[in-house]
């Protein structure tokens, strides 16, 4: 979504930008070690932990992906979802991402036993699927969307779906607060909200 949105923001506002992309937990650790930023976009829980006022932008559920061209298993019902997880030769999820932590708890709580779990320490889970290292990949739908070489199977069933809200906040000491405020406003426009929808996010 940001790939589509920031270029338009730069053209319309005249502001430049430098984007550093990290998972929320890694970003929080960077900030704890003295890292600085003019604007933060991360999970709402991450921003709340920093005690900052936040602007909620959108939310994304968790979904499954397969390698491009591979058969897509059924996942609409809980029965189909469980069967697809158990029958897949391997299922990949992130080690520290919110979706990975949730999936690890979910299979334990459901008593589901995948044949093989591939834990991804760094980078998008979908890349492991695209490389053929796992048959199924579990991650936020908005994080699956931009990865080439995969196809999104669909979201988790409603009974086990969870949503992560992504929010923006201007940290104390921001050196370019006016530009940050302008970007937050831009991310609330209809063009940005359309970009969210195209990338499997629900605007808020």
N, C-alpha and C. Protein backbone atom coordinates (compact mmCIF):
# COMPACT_ATOMS: atom_id res chain seq x y z
N UNK A 1 0.83 -1.19 0.00
CA UNK A 1 0.00 0.00 0.00
C UNK A 1 0.87 1.25 0.00
N UNK A 2 1.92 1.24 0.81
CA UNK A 2 2.81 2.41 0.86
C UNK A 2 3.54 2.60 -0.45
N UNK A 3 3.90 1.50 -1.12
CA UNK A 3 4.56 1.64 -2.42
C UNK A 3 3.70 2.44 -3.38
N UNK A 4 2.40 2.20 -3.36
CA UNK A 4 1.50 2.92 -4.24
C UNK A 4 1.25 4.35 -3.77
N UNK A 5 1.22 4.54 -2.46
CA UNK A 5 0.76 5.81 -1.90
C UNK A 5 1.83 6.87 -1.79
N UNK A 6 3.04 6.49 -1.41
CA UNK A 6 4.06 7.49 -1.10
C UNK A 6 4.51 8.28 -2.33
N UNK A 7 4.58 7.63 -3.48
CA UNK A 7 4.98 8.35 -4.68
C UNK A 7 3.97 9.45 -5.01
N UNK A 8 2.68 9.14 -4.85
CA UNK A 8 1.64 10.14 -5.10
C UNK A 8 1.73 11.26 -4.07
N UNK A 9 2.02 10.92 -2.83
CA UNK A 9 2.16 11.93 -1.78
C UNK A 9 3.32 12.87 -2.11
N UNK A 10 4.43 12.32 -2.57
CA UNK A 10 5.59 13.15 -2.90
C UNK A 10 5.26 14.10 -4.04
N UNK A 11 4.58 13.61 -5.06
CA UNK A 11 4.22 14.47 -6.19
C UNK A 11 3.29 15.60 -5.77
N UNK A 12 2.33 15.29 -4.94
CA UNK A 12 1.31 16.27 -4.60
C UNK A 12 1.76 17.25 -3.52
N UNK A 13 2.61 16.79 -2.61
CA UNK A 13 2.99 17.63 -1.47
C UNK A 13 4.33 18.32 -1.65
N UNK A 14 5.21 17.73 -2.46
CA UNK A 14 6.55 18.27 -2.58
C UNK A 14 7.50 17.77 -1.52
N UNK A 15 7.02 17.02 -0.57
CA UNK A 15 7.87 16.46 0.46
C UNK A 15 8.58 15.21 -0.06
N UNK A 16 9.82 15.03 0.34
CA UNK A 16 10.52 13.78 0.08
C UNK A 16 10.36 12.88 1.29
N UNK A 17 10.84 11.67 1.19
CA UNK A 17 10.71 10.74 2.30
C UNK A 17 11.77 9.67 2.20
N UNK A 18 12.05 9.07 3.34
CA UNK A 18 12.97 7.94 3.43
C UNK A 18 12.27 6.89 4.28
N UNK A 19 11.97 5.75 3.69
CA UNK A 19 11.20 4.72 4.38
C UNK A 19 12.12 3.61 4.84
N UNK A 20 11.99 3.24 6.09
CA UNK A 20 12.68 2.07 6.63
C UNK A 20 11.62 1.08 7.08
N UNK A 21 11.67 -0.13 6.57
CA UNK A 21 10.63 -1.11 6.83
C UNK A 21 11.14 -2.17 7.79
N UNK A 22 10.43 -2.33 8.90
CA UNK A 22 10.76 -3.35 9.89
C UNK A 22 9.45 -3.89 10.46
N UNK A 23 9.48 -5.11 10.97
CA UNK A 23 8.35 -5.62 11.74
C UNK A 23 8.21 -4.77 13.00
N UNK A 24 7.00 -4.73 13.53
CA UNK A 24 6.74 -3.86 14.69
C UNK A 24 7.70 -4.13 15.84
N UNK A 25 7.90 -5.40 16.19
CA UNK A 25 8.77 -5.70 17.33
C UNK A 25 10.20 -5.25 17.06
N UNK A 26 10.68 -5.43 15.83
CA UNK A 26 12.03 -4.98 15.50
C UNK A 26 12.11 -3.46 15.54
N UNK A 27 11.06 -2.80 15.09
CA UNK A 27 11.05 -1.33 15.11
C UNK A 27 11.03 -0.80 16.54
N UNK A 28 10.25 -1.43 17.39
CA UNK A 28 10.22 -1.01 18.79
C UNK A 28 11.59 -1.18 19.44
N UNK A 29 12.28 -2.25 19.10
CA UNK A 29 13.62 -2.47 19.66
C UNK A 29 14.58 -1.40 19.15
N UNK A 30 14.48 -1.03 17.89
CA UNK A 30 15.32 0.03 17.33
C UNK A 30 15.08 1.34 18.08
N UNK A 31 13.81 1.65 18.35
CA UNK A 31 13.49 2.87 19.08
C UNK A 31 14.03 2.82 20.50
N UNK A 32 13.94 1.65 21.14
CA UNK A 32 14.46 1.51 22.51
C UNK A 32 15.96 1.73 22.56
N UNK A 33 16.63 1.41 21.45
CA UNK A 33 18.08 1.59 21.39
C UNK A 33 18.49 2.98 20.92
N UNK A 34 17.53 3.89 20.84
CA UNK A 34 17.85 5.27 20.51
C UNK A 34 17.57 5.67 19.07
N UNK A 35 17.00 4.76 18.27
CA UNK A 35 16.66 5.11 16.90
C UNK A 35 15.61 6.20 16.86
N UNK A 36 15.62 6.97 15.79
CA UNK A 36 14.70 8.11 15.67
C UNK A 36 13.88 7.98 14.40
N UNK A 37 12.70 8.61 14.40
CA UNK A 37 11.83 8.63 13.23
C UNK A 37 10.98 9.88 13.28
N UNK A 38 10.55 10.34 12.13
CA UNK A 38 9.65 11.48 12.06
C UNK A 38 8.20 11.03 12.09
N UNK A 39 7.95 9.81 11.62
CA UNK A 39 6.59 9.25 11.62
C UNK A 39 6.70 7.75 11.77
N UNK A 40 5.83 7.20 12.57
CA UNK A 40 5.78 5.75 12.77
C UNK A 40 4.47 5.21 12.21
N UNK A 41 4.54 4.11 11.47
CA UNK A 41 3.36 3.37 11.04
C UNK A 41 3.58 1.93 11.46
N UNK A 42 2.76 1.48 12.39
CA UNK A 42 2.92 0.13 12.93
C UNK A 42 1.60 -0.31 13.53
N UNK A 43 1.61 -1.45 14.20
CA UNK A 43 0.39 -1.92 14.83
C UNK A 43 -0.05 -0.93 15.91
N UNK A 44 -1.36 -0.87 16.12
CA UNK A 44 -1.88 0.05 17.13
C UNK A 44 -1.33 -0.29 18.52
N UNK A 45 -1.15 -1.60 18.78
CA UNK A 45 -0.59 -2.00 20.08
C UNK A 45 0.83 -1.48 20.25
N UNK A 46 1.61 -1.51 19.16
CA UNK A 46 2.97 -1.01 19.23
C UNK A 46 3.01 0.47 19.56
N UNK A 47 2.15 1.24 18.93
CA UNK A 47 2.11 2.68 19.19
C UNK A 47 1.61 2.95 20.61
N UNK A 48 0.60 2.19 21.04
CA UNK A 48 0.11 2.37 22.41
C UNK A 48 1.21 2.11 23.44
N UNK A 49 2.09 1.15 23.14
CA UNK A 49 3.16 0.84 24.09
C UNK A 49 4.16 1.99 24.21
N UNK A 50 4.16 2.87 23.21
CA UNK A 50 5.05 4.03 23.25
C UNK A 50 4.38 5.25 23.88
N UNK A 51 3.10 5.13 24.19
CA UNK A 51 2.38 6.24 24.81
C UNK A 51 2.12 7.40 23.87
N UNK A 52 2.00 7.12 22.57
CA UNK A 52 1.79 8.18 21.58
C UNK A 52 0.34 8.22 21.13
N UNK A 53 -0.11 9.43 20.76
CA UNK A 53 -1.43 9.56 20.16
C UNK A 53 -1.39 8.93 18.77
N UNK A 54 -2.39 8.16 18.43
CA UNK A 54 -2.34 7.43 17.18
C UNK A 54 -3.53 7.79 16.29
N UNK A 55 -3.32 7.61 14.99
CA UNK A 55 -4.38 7.72 13.99
C UNK A 55 -4.51 6.36 13.33
N UNK A 56 -5.64 5.71 13.52
CA UNK A 56 -5.84 4.39 12.92
C UNK A 56 -6.07 4.55 11.42
N UNK A 57 -5.38 3.72 10.63
CA UNK A 57 -5.45 3.82 9.18
C UNK A 57 -6.25 2.68 8.56
N UNK A 58 -5.94 1.45 8.90
CA UNK A 58 -6.63 0.31 8.31
C UNK A 58 -6.32 -0.94 9.10
N UNK A 59 -7.00 -2.01 8.76
CA UNK A 59 -6.75 -3.28 9.43
C UNK A 59 -6.66 -4.39 8.39
N UNK A 60 -5.97 -5.45 8.79
CA UNK A 60 -5.79 -6.59 7.88
C UNK A 60 -5.94 -7.87 8.66
N UNK A 61 -6.60 -8.85 8.03
CA UNK A 61 -6.73 -10.16 8.63
C UNK A 61 -5.59 -11.07 8.20
N UNK A 62 -5.62 -12.28 8.68
CA UNK A 62 -4.59 -13.28 8.37
C UNK A 62 -5.11 -14.18 7.26
N UNK A 63 -4.23 -14.56 6.35
CA UNK A 63 -4.63 -15.42 5.24
C UNK A 63 -3.59 -16.45 4.90
N UNK A 64 -3.89 -17.23 3.89
CA UNK A 64 -3.01 -18.29 3.40
C UNK A 64 -2.63 -18.03 1.95
N UNK A 65 -1.43 -18.46 1.58
CA UNK A 65 -0.97 -18.31 0.20
C UNK A 65 -0.28 -19.59 -0.26
N UNK A 66 -0.31 -19.81 -1.57
CA UNK A 66 0.41 -20.92 -2.20
C UNK A 66 1.30 -20.35 -3.29
N UNK A 67 2.22 -21.18 -3.77
CA UNK A 67 3.07 -20.78 -4.88
C UNK A 67 2.21 -20.58 -6.13
N UNK A 68 2.58 -19.63 -6.97
CA UNK A 68 1.83 -19.36 -8.19
C UNK A 68 1.68 -20.64 -9.02
N UNK A 69 0.45 -20.90 -9.43
CA UNK A 69 0.17 -22.08 -10.23
C UNK A 69 -0.16 -23.33 -9.45
N UNK A 70 0.07 -23.30 -8.15
CA UNK A 70 -0.22 -24.48 -7.32
C UNK A 70 -1.72 -24.55 -7.04
N UNK A 71 -2.26 -25.74 -6.79
CA UNK A 71 -3.68 -25.86 -6.43
C UNK A 71 -3.97 -25.07 -5.15
N UNK A 72 -5.15 -24.45 -5.12
CA UNK A 72 -5.56 -23.71 -3.93
C UNK A 72 -6.50 -24.56 -3.08
N UNK A 73 -6.11 -24.84 -1.86
CA UNK A 73 -6.99 -25.64 -1.00
C UNK A 73 -8.20 -24.82 -0.56
N UNK A 74 -9.26 -25.50 -0.16
CA UNK A 74 -10.45 -24.84 0.36
C UNK A 74 -10.20 -24.39 1.80
N UNK A 75 -10.59 -23.18 2.13
CA UNK A 75 -10.37 -22.67 3.49
C UNK A 75 -11.57 -21.90 4.02
N UNK A 76 -12.70 -21.91 3.30
CA UNK A 76 -13.83 -21.07 3.68
C UNK A 76 -14.47 -21.54 5.00
N UNK A 77 -14.56 -22.85 5.18
CA UNK A 77 -15.16 -23.37 6.41
C UNK A 77 -14.07 -23.84 7.36
N UNK A 78 -14.42 -23.98 8.64
CA UNK A 78 -13.44 -24.46 9.60
C UNK A 78 -12.98 -25.87 9.26
N UNK A 79 -13.91 -26.71 8.82
CA UNK A 79 -13.54 -28.08 8.46
C UNK A 79 -12.54 -28.09 7.32
N UNK A 80 -12.80 -27.28 6.28
CA UNK A 80 -11.87 -27.21 5.15
C UNK A 80 -10.53 -26.62 5.57
N UNK A 81 -10.58 -25.60 6.41
CA UNK A 81 -9.36 -24.93 6.87
C UNK A 81 -8.47 -25.91 7.61
N UNK A 82 -9.03 -26.63 8.56
CA UNK A 82 -8.24 -27.59 9.35
C UNK A 82 -7.69 -28.69 8.45
N UNK A 83 -8.53 -29.18 7.55
CA UNK A 83 -8.08 -30.23 6.64
C UNK A 83 -6.93 -29.76 5.76
N UNK A 84 -7.02 -28.52 5.27
CA UNK A 84 -5.96 -27.98 4.41
C UNK A 84 -4.65 -27.82 5.16
N UNK A 85 -4.72 -27.40 6.41
CA UNK A 85 -3.52 -27.24 7.23
C UNK A 85 -2.88 -28.60 7.49
N UNK A 86 -3.70 -29.58 7.81
CA UNK A 86 -3.16 -30.89 8.15
C UNK A 86 -2.65 -31.66 6.93
N UNK A 87 -3.24 -31.41 5.76
CA UNK A 87 -2.86 -32.15 4.56
C UNK A 87 -1.71 -31.52 3.80
N UNK A 88 -1.42 -30.27 4.07
CA UNK A 88 -0.30 -29.61 3.37
C UNK A 88 1.02 -30.26 3.77
N UNK A 89 1.92 -30.38 2.80
CA UNK A 89 3.23 -30.97 3.10
C UNK A 89 4.02 -30.11 4.06
N UNK A 90 3.81 -28.78 4.02
CA UNK A 90 4.50 -27.88 4.94
C UNK A 90 3.75 -26.56 5.01
N UNK A 91 3.82 -25.93 6.17
CA UNK A 91 3.16 -24.63 6.40
C UNK A 91 4.19 -23.69 7.00
N UNK A 92 4.32 -22.51 6.41
CA UNK A 92 5.30 -21.53 6.90
C UNK A 92 4.61 -20.38 7.63
N UNK A 93 5.25 -19.92 8.69
CA UNK A 93 4.78 -18.72 9.39
C UNK A 93 5.99 -18.01 9.96
N UNK A 94 5.82 -16.74 10.32
CA UNK A 94 6.93 -15.97 10.87
C UNK A 94 7.17 -16.35 12.32
N UNK A 95 8.39 -16.12 12.78
CA UNK A 95 8.73 -16.46 14.16
C UNK A 95 8.20 -15.42 15.14
N UNK A 96 8.33 -14.12 14.81
CA UNK A 96 7.98 -13.08 15.77
C UNK A 96 6.85 -12.17 15.30
N UNK A 97 6.39 -12.31 14.06
CA UNK A 97 5.30 -11.48 13.59
C UNK A 97 3.99 -11.86 14.28
N UNK A 98 3.06 -10.90 14.32
CA UNK A 98 1.79 -11.13 15.01
C UNK A 98 1.04 -12.32 14.43
N UNK A 99 1.06 -12.46 13.09
CA UNK A 99 0.33 -13.56 12.46
C UNK A 99 0.98 -14.90 12.79
N UNK A 100 2.31 -14.93 12.83
CA UNK A 100 3.01 -16.17 13.14
C UNK A 100 2.78 -16.62 14.57
N UNK A 101 2.83 -15.68 15.49
CA UNK A 101 2.59 -16.01 16.89
C UNK A 101 1.16 -16.50 17.08
N UNK A 102 0.23 -15.86 16.38
CA UNK A 102 -1.17 -16.26 16.49
C UNK A 102 -1.38 -17.66 15.91
N UNK A 103 -0.78 -17.93 14.75
CA UNK A 103 -0.97 -19.23 14.12
C UNK A 103 -0.40 -20.35 14.99
N UNK A 104 0.75 -20.12 15.60
CA UNK A 104 1.34 -21.13 16.47
C UNK A 104 0.41 -21.45 17.63
N UNK A 105 -0.22 -20.43 18.20
CA UNK A 105 -1.19 -20.67 19.28
C UNK A 105 -2.44 -21.37 18.75
N UNK A 106 -2.87 -20.95 17.57
CA UNK A 106 -4.12 -21.48 17.01
C UNK A 106 -4.05 -22.98 16.77
N UNK A 107 -2.99 -23.44 16.11
CA UNK A 107 -2.91 -24.88 15.83
C UNK A 107 -2.81 -25.68 17.13
N UNK A 108 -2.15 -25.10 18.13
CA UNK A 108 -2.08 -25.78 19.42
C UNK A 108 -3.46 -25.86 20.07
N UNK A 109 -4.18 -24.74 20.05
CA UNK A 109 -5.49 -24.71 20.69
C UNK A 109 -6.50 -25.61 19.96
N UNK A 110 -6.38 -25.69 18.64
CA UNK A 110 -7.30 -26.51 17.85
C UNK A 110 -6.90 -27.98 17.85
N UNK A 111 -5.69 -28.28 18.29
CA UNK A 111 -5.20 -29.65 18.23
C UNK A 111 -4.86 -30.08 16.83
N UNK A 112 -4.51 -29.10 15.98
CA UNK A 112 -4.16 -29.39 14.60
C UNK A 112 -2.66 -29.69 14.53
N UNK A 113 -2.29 -30.71 13.75
CA UNK A 113 -0.88 -31.09 13.65
C UNK A 113 -0.43 -31.04 12.19
N UNK A 114 0.16 -29.91 11.78
CA UNK A 114 0.70 -29.86 10.42
C UNK A 114 1.82 -30.88 10.24
N UNK A 115 1.99 -31.37 9.02
CA UNK A 115 3.05 -32.34 8.75
C UNK A 115 4.43 -31.74 9.00
N UNK A 116 4.60 -30.48 8.61
CA UNK A 116 5.89 -29.81 8.79
C UNK A 116 5.64 -28.31 8.93
N UNK A 117 6.31 -27.70 9.89
CA UNK A 117 6.23 -26.26 10.10
C UNK A 117 7.55 -25.64 9.67
N UNK A 118 7.48 -24.62 8.84
CA UNK A 118 8.66 -23.86 8.43
C UNK A 118 8.57 -22.49 9.10
N UNK A 119 9.50 -22.20 9.99
CA UNK A 119 9.49 -20.93 10.71
C UNK A 119 10.43 -19.95 10.01
N UNK A 120 9.88 -18.81 9.61
CA UNK A 120 10.65 -17.81 8.88
C UNK A 120 11.14 -16.75 9.86
N UNK A 121 12.44 -16.62 9.97
CA UNK A 121 13.02 -15.67 10.92
C UNK A 121 13.07 -14.25 10.37
N UNK A 122 13.24 -14.10 9.07
CA UNK A 122 13.43 -12.77 8.50
C UNK A 122 12.84 -12.72 7.11
N UNK A 123 12.17 -11.61 6.80
CA UNK A 123 11.60 -11.43 5.48
C UNK A 123 10.19 -11.98 5.39
N UNK A 124 9.48 -11.66 4.29
CA UNK A 124 8.10 -12.11 4.13
C UNK A 124 7.98 -13.63 4.07
N UNK A 125 7.00 -14.15 4.74
CA UNK A 125 6.73 -15.59 4.69
C UNK A 125 6.45 -16.01 3.25
N UNK A 126 5.78 -15.14 2.49
CA UNK A 126 5.41 -15.48 1.12
C UNK A 126 6.62 -15.78 0.25
N UNK A 127 7.77 -15.21 0.56
CA UNK A 127 8.96 -15.51 -0.23
C UNK A 127 9.37 -16.98 -0.08
N UNK A 128 9.19 -17.52 1.12
CA UNK A 128 9.49 -18.94 1.33
C UNK A 128 8.56 -19.80 0.49
N UNK A 129 7.32 -19.37 0.36
CA UNK A 129 6.35 -20.09 -0.47
C UNK A 129 6.73 -19.96 -1.94
N UNK A 130 7.07 -18.76 -2.36
CA UNK A 130 7.44 -18.52 -3.76
C UNK A 130 8.67 -19.34 -4.15
N UNK A 131 9.59 -19.55 -3.20
CA UNK A 131 10.80 -20.33 -3.48
C UNK A 131 10.56 -21.83 -3.39
N UNK A 132 9.37 -22.23 -3.01
CA UNK A 132 9.06 -23.65 -2.90
C UNK A 132 9.50 -24.28 -1.59
N UNK A 133 9.82 -23.45 -0.60
CA UNK A 133 10.28 -23.98 0.68
C UNK A 133 9.12 -24.40 1.58
N UNK A 134 7.92 -23.98 1.24
CA UNK A 134 6.73 -24.37 1.99
C UNK A 134 5.54 -24.38 1.04
N UNK A 135 4.62 -25.30 1.27
CA UNK A 135 3.44 -25.40 0.40
C UNK A 135 2.44 -24.30 0.71
N UNK A 136 2.23 -24.02 2.00
CA UNK A 136 1.31 -22.98 2.43
C UNK A 136 2.06 -21.94 3.24
N UNK A 137 1.66 -20.68 3.11
CA UNK A 137 2.24 -19.61 3.92
C UNK A 137 1.14 -18.89 4.66
N UNK A 138 1.41 -18.56 5.92
CA UNK A 138 0.46 -17.85 6.78
C UNK A 138 1.03 -16.47 7.09
N UNK A 139 0.28 -15.43 6.80
CA UNK A 139 0.72 -14.08 7.16
C UNK A 139 -0.44 -13.11 7.00
N UNK A 140 -0.23 -11.88 7.45
CA UNK A 140 -1.23 -10.85 7.20
C UNK A 140 -1.49 -10.77 5.70
N UNK A 141 -2.76 -10.64 5.34
CA UNK A 141 -3.12 -10.55 3.92
C UNK A 141 -2.42 -9.38 3.24
N UNK A 142 -2.29 -8.26 3.95
CA UNK A 142 -1.64 -7.08 3.36
C UNK A 142 -0.15 -7.30 3.16
N UNK A 143 0.44 -8.24 3.88
CA UNK A 143 1.86 -8.55 3.70
C UNK A 143 2.06 -9.61 2.62
N UNK A 144 1.05 -10.43 2.39
CA UNK A 144 1.10 -11.39 1.29
C UNK A 144 0.92 -10.68 -0.05
N UNK A 145 0.07 -9.68 -0.08
CA UNK A 145 -0.38 -9.06 -1.34
C UNK A 145 0.74 -8.62 -2.28
N UNK A 146 1.81 -7.96 -1.80
CA UNK A 146 2.79 -7.43 -2.76
C UNK A 146 3.85 -8.43 -3.23
N UNK A 147 3.86 -9.64 -2.70
CA UNK A 147 4.92 -10.59 -3.02
C UNK A 147 4.62 -11.31 -4.33
N UNK A 148 5.58 -11.26 -5.22
CA UNK A 148 5.43 -11.93 -6.51
C UNK A 148 5.74 -13.42 -6.36
N UNK A 149 5.11 -14.23 -7.21
CA UNK A 149 5.37 -15.66 -7.19
C UNK A 149 4.45 -16.46 -6.30
N UNK A 150 3.44 -15.79 -5.72
CA UNK A 150 2.48 -16.50 -4.87
C UNK A 150 1.07 -16.10 -5.27
N UNK A 151 0.11 -16.88 -4.82
CA UNK A 151 -1.30 -16.55 -4.99
C UNK A 151 -1.99 -16.68 -3.64
N UNK A 152 -2.79 -15.70 -3.31
CA UNK A 152 -3.51 -15.73 -2.05
C UNK A 152 -4.69 -16.69 -2.15
N UNK A 153 -4.74 -17.63 -1.23
CA UNK A 153 -5.82 -18.61 -1.19
C UNK A 153 -7.08 -17.96 -0.64
N UNK A 154 -6.92 -17.20 0.43
CA UNK A 154 -8.04 -16.53 1.05
C UNK A 154 -7.77 -16.26 2.51
N UNK A 155 -8.69 -15.58 3.16
CA UNK A 155 -8.53 -15.31 4.60
C UNK A 155 -8.88 -16.52 5.44
N UNK A 156 -8.46 -16.49 6.70
CA UNK A 156 -8.89 -17.50 7.66
C UNK A 156 -10.42 -17.44 7.78
N UNK A 157 -11.06 -18.55 8.15
CA UNK A 157 -12.50 -18.51 8.42
C UNK A 157 -12.83 -17.51 9.53
N UNK A 158 -14.05 -16.99 9.49
CA UNK A 158 -14.45 -15.98 10.46
C UNK A 158 -14.25 -16.44 11.90
N UNK A 159 -14.48 -17.74 12.15
CA UNK A 159 -14.40 -18.24 13.53
C UNK A 159 -13.01 -18.07 14.14
N UNK A 160 -11.98 -18.04 13.31
CA UNK A 160 -10.61 -17.95 13.84
C UNK A 160 -9.86 -16.76 13.25
N UNK A 161 -10.57 -15.86 12.60
CA UNK A 161 -9.91 -14.71 12.02
C UNK A 161 -9.57 -13.68 13.11
N UNK A 162 -8.42 -13.06 12.97
CA UNK A 162 -8.03 -11.96 13.84
C UNK A 162 -7.55 -10.82 12.95
N UNK A 163 -7.75 -9.61 13.42
CA UNK A 163 -7.37 -8.44 12.64
C UNK A 163 -6.32 -7.63 13.38
N UNK A 164 -5.38 -7.13 12.62
CA UNK A 164 -4.36 -6.24 13.15
C UNK A 164 -4.64 -4.85 12.61
N UNK A 165 -4.75 -3.88 13.50
CA UNK A 165 -4.96 -2.50 13.10
C UNK A 165 -3.61 -1.81 12.96
N UNK A 166 -3.42 -1.14 11.83
CA UNK A 166 -2.20 -0.38 11.59
C UNK A 166 -2.49 1.10 11.75
N UNK A 167 -1.64 1.77 12.50
CA UNK A 167 -1.86 3.16 12.87
C UNK A 167 -0.62 3.99 12.63
N UNK A 168 -0.81 5.29 12.61
CA UNK A 168 0.30 6.23 12.45
C UNK A 168 0.42 7.09 13.70
N UNK A 169 1.64 7.48 14.01
CA UNK A 169 1.87 8.36 15.15
C UNK A 169 3.14 9.16 14.91
N UNK A 170 3.13 10.39 15.36
CA UNK A 170 4.31 11.26 15.26
C UNK A 170 5.04 11.22 16.59
N UNK A 171 6.24 10.68 16.62
CA UNK A 171 6.95 10.54 17.89
C UNK A 171 7.43 11.88 18.43
N UNK A 172 7.65 11.92 19.71
CA UNK A 172 8.22 13.12 20.33
C UNK A 172 9.60 13.38 19.73
N UNK A 173 9.87 14.61 19.42
CA UNK A 173 11.16 14.95 18.85
C UNK A 173 11.24 14.79 17.35
N UNK A 174 10.11 14.55 16.70
CA UNK A 174 10.10 14.46 15.23
C UNK A 174 10.67 15.75 14.65
N UNK A 175 11.64 15.62 13.74
CA UNK A 175 12.28 16.80 13.15
C UNK A 175 11.48 17.38 11.99
N UNK A 176 10.54 16.62 11.50
CA UNK A 176 9.75 17.08 10.36
C UNK A 176 8.28 16.78 10.63
N UNK A 177 7.78 17.33 11.72
CA UNK A 177 6.43 17.03 12.16
C UNK A 177 5.38 17.50 11.16
N UNK A 178 5.62 18.63 10.50
CA UNK A 178 4.64 19.14 9.53
C UNK A 178 4.50 18.20 8.35
N UNK A 179 5.62 17.70 7.85
CA UNK A 179 5.58 16.74 6.75
C UNK A 179 4.91 15.44 7.21
N UNK A 180 5.19 15.03 8.44
CA UNK A 180 4.58 13.82 8.97
C UNK A 180 3.06 13.98 9.07
N UNK A 181 2.62 15.14 9.55
CA UNK A 181 1.19 15.40 9.65
C UNK A 181 0.53 15.40 8.27
N UNK A 182 1.24 15.94 7.29
CA UNK A 182 0.70 15.96 5.92
C UNK A 182 0.54 14.55 5.38
N UNK A 183 1.50 13.68 5.68
CA UNK A 183 1.41 12.30 5.20
C UNK A 183 0.27 11.56 5.89
N UNK A 184 0.10 11.77 7.18
CA UNK A 184 -1.00 11.11 7.89
C UNK A 184 -2.33 11.54 7.28
N UNK A 185 -2.47 12.83 6.98
CA UNK A 185 -3.70 13.32 6.34
C UNK A 185 -3.89 12.67 4.97
N UNK A 186 -2.79 12.53 4.22
CA UNK A 186 -2.87 11.93 2.88
C UNK A 186 -3.29 10.48 2.96
N UNK A 187 -2.84 9.78 3.99
CA UNK A 187 -3.19 8.37 4.15
C UNK A 187 -4.66 8.17 4.53
N UNK A 188 -5.35 9.27 4.79
CA UNK A 188 -6.78 9.20 5.07
C UNK A 188 -7.62 9.58 3.86
N UNK A 189 -6.98 9.92 2.74
CA UNK A 189 -7.72 10.30 1.54
C UNK A 189 -8.27 9.07 0.85
N UNK A 190 -9.21 9.30 -0.07
CA UNK A 190 -9.84 8.18 -0.77
C UNK A 190 -8.84 7.43 -1.65
N UNK A 191 -7.89 8.14 -2.25
CA UNK A 191 -6.90 7.45 -3.09
C UNK A 191 -6.06 6.48 -2.26
N UNK A 192 -5.68 6.90 -1.04
CA UNK A 192 -4.92 6.01 -0.17
C UNK A 192 -5.79 4.86 0.32
N UNK A 193 -7.04 5.16 0.61
CA UNK A 193 -7.95 4.10 1.08
C UNK A 193 -8.20 3.08 -0.04
N UNK A 194 -8.25 3.55 -1.29
CA UNK A 194 -8.39 2.62 -2.41
C UNK A 194 -7.16 1.72 -2.53
N UNK A 195 -5.98 2.29 -2.29
CA UNK A 195 -4.75 1.50 -2.31
C UNK A 195 -4.78 0.44 -1.21
N UNK A 196 -5.34 0.80 -0.07
CA UNK A 196 -5.46 -0.18 1.01
C UNK A 196 -6.33 -1.35 0.57
N UNK A 197 -7.47 -1.05 -0.04
CA UNK A 197 -8.38 -2.12 -0.46
C UNK A 197 -7.72 -3.03 -1.48
N UNK A 198 -6.95 -2.45 -2.40
CA UNK A 198 -6.28 -3.26 -3.41
C UNK A 198 -5.24 -4.18 -2.78
N UNK A 199 -4.78 -3.81 -1.62
CA UNK A 199 -3.74 -4.59 -0.95
C UNK A 199 -4.27 -5.31 0.29
N UNK A 200 -5.55 -5.70 0.23
CA UNK A 200 -6.16 -6.53 1.25
C UNK A 200 -6.18 -5.90 2.64
N UNK A 201 -6.33 -4.57 2.68
CA UNK A 201 -6.54 -3.89 3.94
C UNK A 201 -7.93 -3.26 3.95
N UNK A 202 -8.53 -3.20 5.13
CA UNK A 202 -9.82 -2.53 5.29
C UNK A 202 -9.58 -1.16 5.89
N UNK A 203 -9.85 -0.09 5.14
CA UNK A 203 -9.63 1.26 5.69
C UNK A 203 -10.51 1.51 6.92
N UNK A 204 -9.97 2.29 7.83
CA UNK A 204 -10.71 2.65 9.05
C UNK A 204 -10.96 4.17 9.08
